[in-house]
Every structure is written in C-alpha cells, then in structure tokens.
PDB file of N, CA and C in Angstrom:
ATOM      1  N   MET A   1      20.669  -0.399  17.128  1.00  0.00           N
ATOM      2  CA  MET A   1      20.140  -0.915  15.865  1.00  0.00           C
ATOM      3  C   MET A   1      18.795  -0.225  15.574  1.00  0.00           C
ATOM      4  N   GLN A   2      18.705   0.331  14.462  1.00  0.00           N
ATOM      5  CA  GLN A   2      17.479   0.918  13.970  1.00  0.00           C
ATOM      6  C   GLN A   2      16.907   0.026  12.868  1.00  0.00           C
ATOM      7  N   LYS A   3      15.618  -0.167  12.864  1.00  0.00           N
ATOM      8  CA  LYS A   3      14.966  -0.971  11.860  1.00  0.00           C
ATOM      9  C   LYS A   3      13.561  -0.511  11.555  1.00  0.00           C
ATOM     10  N   LYS A   4      13.213  -0.331  10.291  1.00  0.00           N
ATOM     11  CA  LYS A   4      11.932   0.066   9.903  1.00  0.00           C
ATOM     12  C   LYS A   4      11.325  -0.878   8.905  1.00  0.00           C
ATOM     13  N   VAL A   5      10.097  -1.252   9.006  1.00  0.00           N
ATOM     14  CA  VAL A   5       9.416  -2.147   8.067  1.00  0.00           C
ATOM     15  C   VAL A   5       8.204  -1.447   7.480  1.00  0.00           C
ATOM     16  N   ASP A   6       8.154  -1.379   6.166  1.00  0.00           N
ATOM     17  CA  ASP A   6       6.994  -0.880   5.448  1.00  0.00           C
ATOM     18  C   ASP A   6       6.264  -1.975   4.816  1.00  0.00           C
ATOM     19  N   LEU A   7       4.986  -2.106   5.051  1.00  0.00           N
ATOM     20  CA  LEU A   7       4.163  -3.161   4.360  1.00  0.00           C
ATOM     21  C   LEU A   7       3.089  -2.409   3.597  1.00  0.00           C
ATOM     22  N   SER A   8       3.035  -2.596   2.302  1.00  0.00           N
ATOM     23  CA  SER A   8       2.056  -1.882   1.476  1.00  0.00           C
ATOM     24  C   SER A   8       1.632  -2.923   0.369  1.00  0.00           C
ATOM     25  N   THR A   9       0.660  -2.382  -0.510  1.00  0.00           N
ATOM     26  CA  THR A   9       0.211  -3.203  -1.615  1.00  0.00           C
ATOM     27  C   THR A   9       0.624  -2.521  -2.995  1.00  0.00           C
ATOM     28  N   ARG A  10       0.791  -3.326  -3.941  1.00  0.00           N
ATOM     29  CA  ARG A  10       1.059  -2.738  -5.354  1.00  0.00           C
ATOM     30  C   ARG A  10       0.613  -3.777  -6.338  1.00  0.00           C
ATOM     31  N   GLN A  11      -0.211  -3.426  -7.285  1.00  0.00           N
ATOM     32  CA  GLN A  11      -0.565  -4.293  -8.411  1.00  0.00           C
ATOM     33  C   GLN A  11      -0.993  -5.701  -7.883  1.00  0.00           C
ATOM     34  N   GLY A  12      -1.765  -5.796  -6.894  1.00  0.00           N
ATOM     35  CA  GLY A  12      -2.261  -7.085  -6.466  1.00  0.00           C
ATOM     36  C   GLY A  12      -1.218  -7.876  -5.622  1.00  0.00           C
ATOM     37  N   HIS A  13      -0.176  -7.252  -5.129  1.00  0.00           N
ATOM     38  CA  HIS A  13       0.902  -7.884  -4.405  1.00  0.00           C
ATOM     39  C   HIS A  13       1.037  -7.118  -3.029  1.00  0.00           C
ATOM     40  N   LEU A  14       1.331  -7.941  -2.058  1.00  0.00           N
ATOM     41  CA  LEU A  14       1.904  -7.293  -0.787  1.00  0.00           C
ATOM     42  C   LEU A  14       3.290  -7.022  -0.935  1.00  0.00           C
ATOM     43  N   VAL A  15       3.841  -5.931  -0.380  1.00  0.00           N
ATOM     44  CA  VAL A  15       5.216  -5.545  -0.664  1.00  0.00           C
ATOM     45  C   VAL A  15       5.796  -5.273   0.821  1.00  0.00           C
ATOM     46  N   GLU A  16       6.927  -5.948   1.202  1.00  0.00           N
ATOM     47  CA  GLU A  16       7.546  -5.641   2.497  1.00  0.00           C
ATOM     48  C   GLU A  16       8.993  -5.101   2.116  1.00  0.00           C
ATOM     49  N   VAL A  17       9.148  -3.850   2.694  1.00  0.00           N
ATOM     50  CA  VAL A  17      10.437  -3.195   2.531  1.00  0.00           C
ATOM     51  C   VAL A  17      11.090  -3.119   3.925  1.00  0.00           C
ATOM     52  N   VAL A  18      12.225  -3.698   4.156  1.00  0.00           N
ATOM     53  CA  VAL A  18      12.854  -3.609   5.508  1.00  0.00           C
ATOM     54  C   VAL A  18      14.120  -2.821   5.218  1.00  0.00           C
ATOM     55  N   ILE A  19      14.320  -1.763   6.062  1.00  0.00           N
ATOM     56  CA  ILE A  19      15.519  -0.949   6.113  1.00  0.00           C
ATOM     57  C   ILE A  19      16.057  -0.981   7.490  1.00  0.00           C
ATOM     58  N   GLU A  20      17.351  -1.050   7.612  1.00  0.00           N
ATOM     59  CA  GLU A  20      17.992  -0.985   8.966  1.00  0.00           C
ATOM     60  C   GLU A  20      19.444  -0.557   8.859  1.00  0.00           C
ATOM     61  N   ARG A  21      19.887  -0.117  10.103  1.00  0.00           N
ATOM     62  CA  ARG A  21      21.239   0.373  10.229  1.00  0.00           C
ATOM     63  C   ARG A  21      21.636   0.053  11.684  1.00  0.00           C
ATOM     64  N   PRO A  22      22.965  -0.183  11.879  1.00  0.00           N
ATOM     65  CA  PRO A  22      23.437  -0.470  13.199  1.00  0.00           C
ATOM     66  C   PRO A  22      23.287   0.702  14.169  1.00  0.00           C
ATOM     67  N   ASP A  23      23.531   1.998  13.695  1.00  0.00           N
ATOM     68  CA  ASP A  23      23.435   3.120  14.539  1.00  0.00           C
ATOM     69  C   ASP A  23      23.314   4.330  13.631  1.00  0.00           C
ATOM     70  N   GLU A  24      23.094   5.476  14.203  1.00  0.00           N
ATOM     71  CA  GLU A  24      22.735   6.657  13.539  1.00  0.00           C
ATOM     72  C   GLU A  24      23.989   7.150  12.592  1.00  0.00           C
ATOM     73  N   HIS A  25      25.050   6.643  12.851  1.00  0.00           N
ATOM     74  CA  HIS A  25      26.275   6.956  12.014  1.00  0.00           C
ATOM     75  C   HIS A  25      26.515   6.158  10.810  1.00  0.00           C
ATOM     76  N   GLN A  26      25.738   5.127  10.582  1.00  0.00           N
ATOM     77  CA  GLN A  26      25.864   4.193   9.611  1.00  0.00           C
ATOM     78  C   GLN A  26      24.739   4.424   8.469  1.00  0.00           C
ATOM     79  N   SER A  27      24.991   3.996   7.256  1.00  0.00           N
ATOM     80  CA  SER A  27      24.071   4.017   6.200  1.00  0.00           C
ATOM     81  C   SER A  27      22.927   2.987   6.353  1.00  0.00           C
ATOM     82  N   TRP A  28      21.746   3.178   5.774  1.00  0.00           N
ATOM     83  CA  TRP A  28      20.661   2.226   5.762  1.00  0.00           C
ATOM     84  C   TRP A  28      20.955   1.119   4.781  1.00  0.00           C
ATOM     85  N   SER A  29      20.580  -0.108   5.157  1.00  0.00           N
ATOM     86  CA  SER A  29      20.652  -1.247   4.243  1.00  0.00           C
ATOM     87  C   SER A  29      19.171  -1.550   3.847  1.00  0.00           C
ATOM     88  N   LEU A  30      19.008  -2.347   2.881  1.00  0.00           N
ATOM     89  CA  LEU A  30      17.640  -2.551   2.196  1.00  0.00           C
ATOM     90  C   LEU A  30      17.415  -3.975   1.849  1.00  0.00           C
ATOM     91  N   ALA A  31      16.219  -4.514   2.191  1.00  0.00           N
ATOM     92  CA  ALA A  31      15.721  -5.788   1.724  1.00  0.00           C
ATOM     93  C   ALA A  31      14.269  -5.696   1.275  1.00  0.00           C
ATOM     94  N   VAL A  32      13.896  -6.433   0.209  1.00  0.00           N
ATOM     95  CA  VAL A  32      12.531  -6.319  -0.262  1.00  0.00           C
ATOM     96  C   VAL A  32      11.962  -7.726  -0.513  1.00  0.00           C
ATOM     97  N   ARG A  33      10.695  -7.909  -0.174  1.00  0.00           N
ATOM     98  CA  ARG A  33      10.014  -9.211  -0.462  1.00  0.00           C
ATOM     99  C   ARG A  33       8.686  -8.900  -0.990  1.00  0.00           C
ATOM    100  N   VAL A  34       8.119  -9.625  -1.947  1.00  0.00           N
ATOM    101  CA  VAL A  34       6.786  -9.486  -2.460  1.00  0.00           C
ATOM    102  C   VAL A  34       5.970 -10.790  -2.371  1.00  0.00           C
ATOM    103  N   ARG A  35       4.649 -10.694  -2.416  1.00  0.00           N
ATOM    104  CA  ARG A  35       3.752 -11.824  -2.352  1.00  0.00           C
ATOM    105  C   ARG A  35       2.370 -11.532  -3.011  1.00  0.00           C
ATOM    106  N   ASP A  36       1.846 -12.416  -3.706  1.00  0.00           N
ATOM    107  CA  ASP A  36       0.552 -12.176  -4.292  1.00  0.00           C
ATOM    108  C   ASP A  36      -0.457 -12.007  -3.161  1.00  0.00           C
ATOM    109  N   THR A  37      -1.431 -11.083  -3.243  1.00  0.00           N
ATOM    110  CA  THR A  37      -2.388 -10.872  -2.169  1.00  0.00           C
ATOM    111  C   THR A  37      -3.417 -12.022  -2.027  1.00  0.00           C
ATOM    112  N   ARG A  38      -3.527 -12.844  -3.015  1.00  0.00           N
ATOM    113  CA  ARG A  38      -4.464 -14.011  -3.003  1.00  0.00           C
ATOM    114  C   ARG A  38      -3.830 -15.169  -2.271  1.00  0.00           C
ATOM    115  N   GLY A  39      -2.609 -15.038  -1.806  1.00  0.00           N
ATOM    116  CA  GLY A  39      -1.948 -16.147  -1.059  1.00  0.00           C
ATOM    117  C   GLY A  39      -0.624 -16.494  -1.686  1.00  0.00           C
ATOM    118  N   GLY A  40      -0.095 -17.569  -1.112  1.00  0.00           N
ATOM    119  CA  GLY A  40       1.137 -18.067  -1.600  1.00  0.00           C
ATOM    120  C   GLY A  40       2.300 -17.575  -0.685  1.00  0.00           C
ATOM    121  N   ALA A  41       3.458 -18.025  -1.047  1.00  0.00           N
ATOM    122  CA  ALA A  41       4.660 -17.704  -0.283  1.00  0.00           C
ATOM    123  C   ALA A  41       5.226 -16.377  -0.646  1.00  0.00           C
ATOM    124  N   TRP A  42       5.980 -15.802   0.288  1.00  0.00           N
ATOM    125  CA  TRP A  42       6.777 -14.608   0.009  1.00  0.00           C
ATOM    126  C   TRP A  42       7.908 -14.952  -0.926  1.00  0.00           C
ATOM    127  N   SER A  43       8.272 -14.042  -1.807  1.00  0.00           N
ATOM    128  CA  SER A  43       9.386 -14.229  -2.641  1.00  0.00           C
ATOM    129  C   SER A  43      10.708 -14.340  -1.739  1.00  0.00           C
ATOM    130  N   GLU A  44      11.705 -14.801  -2.289  1.00  0.00           N
ATOM    131  CA  GLU A  44      13.069 -14.709  -1.668  1.00  0.00           C
ATOM    132  C   GLU A  44      13.363 -13.232  -1.471  1.00  0.00           C
ATOM    133  N   PRO A  45      13.940 -12.891  -0.308  1.00  0.00           N
ATOM    134  CA  PRO A  45      14.288 -11.474  -0.034  1.00  0.00           C
ATOM    135  C   PRO A  45      15.339 -11.021  -1.082  1.00  0.00           C
ATOM    136  N   TRP A  46      15.079  -9.899  -1.755  1.00  0.00           N
ATOM    137  CA  TRP A  46      16.084  -9.197  -2.587  1.00  0.00           C
ATOM    138  C   TRP A  46      16.830  -8.231  -1.638  1.00  0.00           C
ATOM    139  N   VAL A  47      18.096  -8.409  -1.534  1.00  0.00           N
ATOM    140  CA  VAL A  47      18.935  -7.539  -0.669  1.00  0.00           C
ATOM    141  C   VAL A  47      19.927  -6.678  -1.522  1.00  0.00           C
ATOM    142  N   ASP A  48      19.832  -5.435  -1.324  1.00  0.00           N
ATOM    143  CA  ASP A  48      20.750  -4.571  -2.160  1.00  0.00           C
ATOM    144  C   ASP A  48      22.089  -4.521  -1.504  1.00  0.00           C
ATOM    145  N   VAL A  49      23.038  -5.215  -2.072  1.00  0.00           N
ATOM    146  CA  VAL A  49      24.421  -5.360  -1.471  1.00  0.00           C
ATOM    147  C   VAL A  49      25.303  -4.355  -2.215  1.00  0.00           C
ATOM    148  N   ARG A  50      24.832  -3.653  -3.198  1.00  0.00           N
ATOM    149  CA  ARG A  50      25.685  -2.688  -3.933  1.00  0.00           C
ATOM    150  C   ARG A  50      25.598  -1.272  -3.454  1.00  0.00           C
ATOM    151  N   ARG A  51      24.679  -0.927  -2.579  1.00  0.00           N
ATOM    152  CA  ARG A  51      24.485   0.463  -2.315  1.00  0.00           C
ATOM    153  C   ARG A  51      24.045   0.630  -0.763  1.00  0.00           C
ATOM    154  N   ASP A  52      24.484   1.623  -0.117  1.00  0.00           N
ATOM    155  CA  ASP A  52      23.948   2.067   1.155  1.00  0.00           C
ATOM    156  C   ASP A  52      23.166   3.363   1.009  1.00  0.00           C
ATOM    157  N   TYR A  53      22.165   3.555   1.784  1.00  0.00           N
ATOM    158  CA  TYR A  53      21.321   4.683   1.694  1.00  0.00           C
ATOM    159  C   TYR A  53      21.546   5.710   2.866  1.00  0.00           C
ATOM    160  N   PHE A  54      21.681   6.974   2.578  1.00  0.00           N
ATOM    161  CA  PHE A  54      21.986   7.924   3.536  1.00  0.00           C
ATOM    162  C   PHE A  54      20.763   8.253   4.499  1.00  0.00           C
ATOM    163  N   THR A  55      19.544   8.315   3.811  1.00  0.00           N
ATOM    164  CA  THR A  55      18.312   8.534   4.597  1.00  0.00           C
ATOM    165  C   THR A  55      17.356   7.349   4.505  1.00  0.00           C
ATOM    166  N   CYS A  56      16.576   7.335   5.417  1.00  0.00           N
ATOM    167  CA  CYS A  56      15.485   6.138   5.428  1.00  0.00           C
ATOM    168  C   CYS A  56      14.567   6.408   4.338  1.00  0.00           C
ATOM    169  N   HIS A  57      14.351   7.637   3.909  1.00  0.00           N
ATOM    170  CA  HIS A  57      13.395   7.996   2.858  1.00  0.00           C
ATOM    171  C   HIS A  57      13.955   7.533   1.494  1.00  0.00           C
ATOM    172  N   ASP A  58      15.292   7.682   1.292  1.00  0.00           N
ATOM    173  CA  ASP A  58      15.817   7.160   0.109  1.00  0.00           C
ATOM    174  C   ASP A  58      15.786   5.723  -0.023  1.00  0.00           C
ATOM    175  N   ALA A  59      16.058   4.987   1.101  1.00  0.00           N
ATOM    176  CA  ALA A  59      16.057   3.607   1.132  1.00  0.00           C
ATOM    177  C   ALA A  59      14.619   3.033   0.877  1.00  0.00           C
ATOM    178  N   LEU A  60      13.612   3.676   1.415  1.00  0.00           N
ATOM    179  CA  LEU A  60      12.223   3.295   1.233  1.00  0.00           C
ATOM    180  C   LEU A  60      11.757   3.481  -0.222  1.00  0.00           C
ATOM    181  N   ALA A  61      12.121   4.566  -0.749  1.00  0.00           N
ATOM    182  CA  ALA A  61      11.871   4.806  -2.179  1.00  0.00           C
ATOM    183  C   ALA A  61      12.482   3.782  -3.114  1.00  0.00           C
ATOM    184  N   ALA A  62      13.786   3.505  -2.828  1.00  0.00           N
ATOM    185  CA  ALA A  62      14.455   2.469  -3.646  1.00  0.00           C
ATOM    186  C   ALA A  62      13.797   1.067  -3.477  1.00  0.00           C
ATOM    187  N   GLY A  63      13.450   0.765  -2.264  1.00  0.00           N
ATOM    188  CA  GLY A  63      12.737  -0.490  -1.975  1.00  0.00           C
ATOM    189  C   GLY A  63      11.489  -0.681  -2.774  1.00  0.00           C
ATOM    190  N   LYS A  64      10.696   0.414  -2.798  1.00  0.00           N
ATOM    191  CA  LYS A  64       9.342   0.371  -3.509  1.00  0.00           C
ATOM    192  C   LYS A  64       9.605   0.254  -5.050  1.00  0.00           C
ATOM    193  N   ALA A  65      10.640   0.962  -5.461  1.00  0.00           N
ATOM    194  CA  ALA A  65      10.980   0.837  -6.958  1.00  0.00           C
ATOM    195  C   ALA A  65      11.372  -0.586  -7.184  1.00  0.00           C
ATOM    196  N   GLN A  66      12.155  -1.189  -6.385  1.00  0.00           N
ATOM    197  CA  GLN A  66      12.629  -2.557  -6.614  1.00  0.00           C
ATOM    198  C   GLN A  66      11.441  -3.524  -6.602  1.00  0.00           C
ATOM    199  N   ALA A  67      10.466  -3.265  -5.650  1.00  0.00           N
ATOM    200  CA  ALA A  67       9.343  -4.153  -5.622  1.00  0.00           C
ATOM    201  C   ALA A  67       8.496  -4.098  -6.860  1.00  0.00           C
ATOM    202  N   ALA A  68       8.482  -2.925  -7.539  1.00  0.00           N
ATOM    203  CA  ALA A  68       7.741  -2.740  -8.785  1.00  0.00           C
ATOM    204  C   ALA A  68       8.489  -3.624  -9.852  1.00  0.00           C
ATOM    205  N   ARG A  69       9.787  -3.588  -9.858  1.00  0.00           N
ATOM    206  CA  ARG A  69      10.532  -4.419 -10.747  1.00  0.00           C
ATOM    207  C   ARG A  69      10.312  -5.849 -10.592  1.00  0.00           C
ATOM    208  N   MET A  70      10.280  -6.249  -9.217  1.00  0.00           N
ATOM    209  CA  MET A  70      10.083  -7.715  -8.925  1.00  0.00           C
ATOM    210  C   MET A  70       8.773  -8.072  -9.407  1.00  0.00           C
ATOM    211  N   ILE A  71       7.693  -7.300  -9.184  1.00  0.00           N
ATOM    212  CA  ILE A  71       6.377  -7.561  -9.639  1.00  0.00           C
ATOM    213  C   ILE A  71       6.280  -7.703 -11.145  1.00  0.00           C
ATOM    214  N   GLY A  72       6.959  -6.806 -11.756  1.00  0.00           N
ATOM    215  CA  GLY A  72       6.966  -6.769 -13.238  1.00  0.00           C
ATOM    216  C   GLY A  72       7.750  -7.881 -13.894  1.00  0.00           C
ATOM    217  N   GLY A  73       8.570  -8.758 -12.989  1.00  0.00           N
ATOM    218  CA  GLY A  73       9.295  -9.807 -13.588  1.00  0.00           C
ATOM    219  C   GLY A  73      10.743  -9.573 -13.911  1.00  0.00           C
ATOM    220  N   ASP A  74      11.246  -8.447 -13.462  1.00  0.00           N
ATOM    221  CA  ASP A  74      12.648  -8.072 -13.720  1.00  0.00           C
ATOM    222  C   ASP A  74      13.400  -7.842 -12.462  1.00  0.00           C
ATOM    223  N   ALA A  75      13.435  -8.727 -11.555  1.00  0.00           N
ATOM    224  CA  ALA A  75      14.114  -8.564 -10.191  1.00  0.00           C
ATOM    225  C   ALA A  75      15.481  -8.416 -10.249  1.00  0.00           C
ATOM    226  N   GLN A  76      16.192  -8.785 -11.267  1.00  0.00           N
ATOM    227  CA  GLN A  76      17.695  -8.735 -11.428  1.00  0.00           C
ATOM    228  C   GLN A  76      18.117  -7.314 -11.610  1.00  0.00           C
ATOM    229  N   ASP A  77      17.279  -6.475 -12.212  1.00  0.00           N
ATOM    230  CA  ASP A  77      17.757  -5.058 -12.553  1.00  0.00           C
ATOM    231  C   ASP A  77      17.464  -4.133 -11.328  1.00  0.00           C
ATOM    232  N   ALA A  78      18.528  -3.879 -10.605  1.00  0.00           N
ATOM    233  CA  ALA A  78      18.412  -3.013  -9.475  1.00  0.00           C
ATOM    234  C   ALA A  78      18.785  -1.577  -9.719  1.00  0.00           C
ATOM    235  N   SER A  79      19.236  -1.280 -11.013  1.00  0.00           N
ATOM    236  CA  SER A  79      19.697   0.011 -11.313  1.00  0.00           C
ATOM    237  C   SER A  79      18.608   1.033 -11.579  1.00  0.00           C
ATOM    238  N   GLY A  80      17.377   0.583 -11.885  1.00  0.00           N
ATOM    239  CA  GLY A  80      16.275   1.507 -12.037  1.00  0.00           C
ATOM    240  C   GLY A  80      15.966   1.579 -13.490  1.00  0.00           C
TER     241      GLY A  80
END
C-alpha cells in the first residue's frame, strides 16, 4: 500500500488531500477534506469514485482543484 497526504492552506482553509493505491500497478485514488483555519470540524471527506489517477502528481492536482471548489461552495462539481 502506498499512501501520500498533503496538508496545505488555501483561502483561509486547511486542505488535506489523501492519495493512495494498493501497489505500484494500480491507479491512485483520491480523498479531500477542508477546514477553516480559525477552527471547527473537518468537512466530510470528498472521495472521487469516478476516476483513477495514473500519477500521484495528477491526483494531487485534482485534489487541490476539488478543495478550491469545496471552499468556493460547489463541492458537488468534480468535473472542473
């Protein structure tokens, strides 16, 4: 199992992007959570069930784009 966690900030929110895959022959899966930096609970995790990512860089970029949508109030639109 390979797993990478990226924790960053964006527009006053903490962003957690988790990507993982069972082995080097599988695609990466993606989950994203956001939280206001002033406190409060993490959002429910958004999990991309429609797409697998070939590289960890693709998955991380998609996760950060999804976090921006979640912060902007449009968490349902995963298409970009």
